[in-house]
Amino acid sequence: MNKSIFSLIILTLFFTSCKKEQDPFQISKQHIGLLTDSTQVKDLEIIFNKDSIVKPISGDEFTGHVNDIEIFEKGGKKLLTLTPRQSLDSTSVIESIQIFDSRFKTNKNITTLSTFKDISDNYKISRIDNLINSVVVSVNDINATFAIDKKELPANLRFNMDLNIEAVHIPDNAKIKYFFLNWSKL
């Protein structure tokens, strides 16, 4: 009896001490690695303490441009571009994230190297927008948008912006040009 209680206590301690660490490259609807939809700009130094952060220069608030924050690995590889809701406000939360590094992936393994088929096979497409140089595919399940260059489309669909492009019009092997997480809708 004492052995079984002792074994149970040891087993319980073992399982409670095994904390699952957050994958720094995992993307979900409300987080990307340790960055969440409620993370403030002032917290970026802690979250990306092993990376380089390029912040906007103070005084640029009057240029009318959004002041993006770029995240680079120490080796110089660009990982992410973060857009805060409010420019140059350390208490602002992040509104959108552009993903550059292919190590970032959703729970269904969608990365910057994925194709339209990968997206459509794994997620419900919420909307497709026809822009000048690209088609933007929105997936509300993960608050993501994927831009596909119009060069990936058949020639008869590339130049008419009035066309209503649907999923069947986009080739399965069309590559992702840009990949964004959008937290502005939350």
Protein backbone atom coordinates (compact mmCIF):
# COMPACT_ATOMS: atom_id res chain seq x y z
CA MET A 1 0.00 0.00 0.00
CA ASN A 2 2.77 2.42 0.98
CA LYS A 3 4.68 1.57 -2.19
CA SER A 4 1.68 2.39 -4.39
CA ILE A 5 1.08 5.73 -2.65
CA PHE A 6 4.78 6.56 -2.89
CA SER A 7 4.76 5.60 -6.60
CA LEU A 8 1.68 7.74 -7.18
CA ILE A 9 3.32 10.74 -5.50
CA ILE A 10 6.51 10.32 -7.57
CA LEU A 11 4.47 9.96 -10.76
CA THR A 12 2.41 13.07 -9.92
CA LEU A 13 5.55 15.09 -9.22
CA PHE A 14 7.06 13.92 -12.49
CA PHE A 15 4.06 15.02 -14.56
CA THR A 16 3.62 18.36 -12.81
CA SER A 17 7.30 19.20 -13.18
CA CYS A 18 7.22 18.55 -16.93
CA LYS A 19 5.95 21.88 -18.19
CA LYS A 20 5.38 22.13 -21.89
CA GLU A 21 7.38 25.04 -23.29
CA GLN A 22 5.77 27.31 -25.86
CA ASP A 23 7.16 26.71 -29.36
CA PRO A 24 8.64 30.08 -30.43
CA PHE A 25 7.55 29.44 -34.03
CA GLN A 26 3.97 28.20 -33.43
CA ILE A 27 1.15 30.30 -34.89
CA SER A 28 -2.44 30.22 -33.64
CA LYS A 29 -5.38 32.61 -33.78
CA GLN A 30 -4.22 34.70 -30.80
CA HIS A 31 -0.47 34.10 -30.57
CA ILE A 32 2.71 33.63 -32.51
CA GLY A 33 5.34 32.04 -30.31
CA LEU A 34 5.36 34.03 -27.05
CA LEU A 35 3.74 37.07 -28.70
CA THR A 36 -0.01 37.33 -28.04
CA ASP A 37 -2.81 39.60 -29.17
CA SER A 38 -2.53 41.45 -25.84
CA THR A 39 1.26 41.89 -25.81
CA GLN A 40 2.29 45.53 -25.50
CA VAL A 41 5.17 47.10 -27.41
CA LYS A 42 7.08 47.62 -24.16
CA ASP A 43 7.14 43.81 -23.63
CA LEU A 44 8.90 43.04 -26.92
CA GLU A 45 12.38 43.35 -25.37
CA ILE A 46 11.54 40.49 -22.99
CA ILE A 47 9.86 38.27 -25.59
CA PHE A 48 12.58 38.72 -28.22
CA ASN A 49 15.53 39.01 -25.82
CA LYS A 50 17.73 36.81 -28.04
CA ASP A 51 16.83 38.69 -31.22
CA SER A 52 17.39 42.19 -32.59
CA ILE A 53 14.49 44.65 -32.52
CA VAL A 54 14.44 47.61 -34.90
CA LYS A 55 11.97 50.20 -33.61
CA PRO A 56 10.84 53.44 -35.25
CA ILE A 57 12.78 56.59 -34.48
CA SER A 58 11.16 59.05 -32.08
CA GLY A 59 9.97 62.08 -34.00
CA ASP A 60 8.63 60.06 -36.94
CA GLU A 61 5.09 60.26 -35.60
CA PHE A 62 4.38 63.27 -37.81
CA THR A 63 5.39 61.62 -41.08
CA GLY A 64 2.01 59.93 -41.42
CA HIS A 65 3.59 56.50 -41.82
CA VAL A 66 2.86 53.47 -39.72
CA ASN A 67 5.85 52.80 -37.53
CA ASP A 68 6.58 49.11 -37.98
CA ILE A 69 8.84 47.19 -35.62
CA GLU A 70 11.13 44.66 -37.28
CA ILE A 71 12.44 41.55 -35.54
CA PHE A 72 15.71 39.98 -36.74
CA GLU A 73 17.68 37.00 -35.51
CA LYS A 74 21.10 37.90 -34.14
CA GLY A 75 22.56 36.54 -37.39
CA GLY A 76 20.59 39.10 -39.41
CA LYS A 77 17.73 36.97 -40.77
CA LYS A 78 14.42 38.86 -40.75
CA LEU A 79 11.76 37.05 -38.75
CA LEU A 80 8.75 39.35 -38.39
CA THR A 81 7.43 42.86 -38.93
CA LEU A 82 5.03 44.02 -36.20
CA THR A 83 2.59 46.87 -36.65
CA PRO A 84 1.35 48.42 -33.38
CA ARG A 85 -2.17 49.87 -33.15
CA GLN A 86 -0.76 53.22 -32.07
CA SER A 87 2.51 54.57 -33.44
CA LEU A 88 5.31 55.17 -30.93
CA ASP A 89 3.17 54.16 -27.95
CA SER A 90 4.89 51.67 -25.66
CA THR A 91 1.54 50.56 -24.20
CA SER A 92 0.01 49.85 -27.61
CA VAL A 93 -0.76 46.26 -28.56
CA ILE A 94 0.24 44.69 -31.86
CA GLU A 95 -2.32 45.01 -34.65
CA SER A 96 -0.74 42.87 -37.36
CA ILE A 97 2.31 40.72 -37.95
CA GLN A 98 3.97 39.98 -41.26
CA ILE A 99 5.78 36.65 -41.18
CA PHE A 100 9.02 36.25 -43.14
CA ASP A 101 10.70 33.17 -41.68
CA SER A 102 9.49 29.77 -42.89
CA ARG A 103 10.00 28.22 -39.44
CA PHE A 104 6.82 29.96 -38.25
CA LYS A 105 3.94 27.54 -38.80
CA THR A 106 0.32 27.05 -37.90
CA ASN A 107 -0.89 23.93 -36.13
CA LYS A 108 -1.71 22.61 -39.62
CA ASN A 109 1.85 23.30 -40.84
CA ILE A 110 1.09 26.33 -43.04
CA THR A 111 4.25 28.41 -43.53
CA THR A 112 5.55 31.06 -45.93
CA LEU A 113 6.58 28.15 -48.17
CA SER A 114 3.05 26.75 -48.43
CA THR A 115 0.83 26.83 -51.50
CA PHE A 116 -2.79 27.76 -52.04
CA LYS A 117 -3.71 24.06 -51.97
CA ASP A 118 -2.13 23.74 -48.51
CA ILE A 119 -4.28 26.62 -47.27
CA SER A 120 -7.53 25.47 -48.89
CA ASP A 121 -7.06 21.84 -47.76
CA ASN A 122 -6.54 22.85 -44.14
CA TYR A 123 -8.68 25.94 -43.56
CA LYS A 124 -12.01 27.38 -44.56
CA ILE A 125 -11.35 30.36 -46.80
CA SER A 126 -13.38 33.31 -45.53
CA ARG A 127 -12.80 35.77 -48.36
CA ILE A 128 -10.74 36.39 -51.48
CA ASP A 129 -9.92 39.97 -52.50
CA ASN A 130 -8.72 40.98 -55.96
CA LEU A 131 -6.04 43.69 -55.68
CA ILE A 132 -3.77 45.32 -58.27
CA ASN A 133 -0.79 42.94 -58.06
CA SER A 134 -2.07 40.19 -55.82
CA VAL A 135 -5.00 38.17 -54.57
CA VAL A 136 -5.52 38.21 -50.80
CA VAL A 137 -6.91 35.06 -49.22
CA SER A 138 -8.40 35.54 -45.74
CA VAL A 139 -8.75 32.75 -43.18
CA ASN A 140 -10.75 33.88 -40.15
CA ASP A 141 -10.05 30.62 -38.25
CA ILE A 142 -6.53 31.88 -37.54
CA ASN A 143 -6.93 35.64 -38.22
CA ALA A 144 -4.59 35.29 -41.18
CA THR A 145 -4.32 36.71 -44.67
CA PHE A 146 -2.20 35.26 -47.43
CA ALA A 147 -1.21 37.33 -50.45
CA ILE A 148 -0.65 35.45 -53.71
CA ASP A 149 1.05 37.25 -56.59
CA LYS A 150 -1.21 37.60 -59.64
CA LYS A 151 1.64 36.16 -61.72
CA GLU A 152 0.59 32.84 -60.18
CA LEU A 153 -2.89 33.16 -61.77
CA PRO A 154 -3.93 32.29 -65.32
CA ALA A 155 -3.25 35.20 -67.72
CA ASN A 156 -6.95 35.99 -68.23
CA LEU A 157 -7.37 36.75 -64.49
CA ARG A 158 -4.31 38.96 -63.91
CA PHE A 159 -5.37 42.36 -65.21
CA ASN A 160 -9.09 42.83 -64.53
CA MET A 161 -9.58 44.08 -60.97
CA ASP A 162 -13.37 43.92 -61.38
CA LEU A 163 -13.33 40.12 -61.58
CA ASN A 164 -14.68 38.23 -58.62
CA ILE A 165 -11.89 35.72 -58.07
CA GLU A 166 -12.94 32.51 -56.36
CA ALA A 167 -10.94 29.64 -54.91
CA VAL A 168 -11.40 27.53 -58.05
CA HIS A 169 -9.62 30.22 -60.09
CA ILE A 170 -6.41 30.01 -58.05
CA PRO A 171 -4.02 27.20 -59.07
CA ASP A 172 -3.21 24.68 -56.34
CA ASN A 173 0.52 25.30 -56.71
CA ALA A 174 0.24 29.11 -56.35
CA LYS A 175 2.87 30.22 -53.81
CA ILE A 176 2.30 32.56 -50.89
CA LYS A 177 3.85 35.98 -51.43
CA TYR A 178 3.05 37.43 -47.97
CA PHE A 179 1.61 35.94 -44.80
CA PHE A 180 -0.02 38.16 -42.13
CA LEU A 181 -1.70 37.65 -38.79
CA ASN A 182 -4.31 40.33 -38.16
CA TRP A 183 -5.34 41.09 -34.61
CA SER A 184 -7.08 44.37 -35.46
CA LYS A 185 -10.44 42.59 -35.75
CA LEU A 186 -10.32 41.18 -32.24
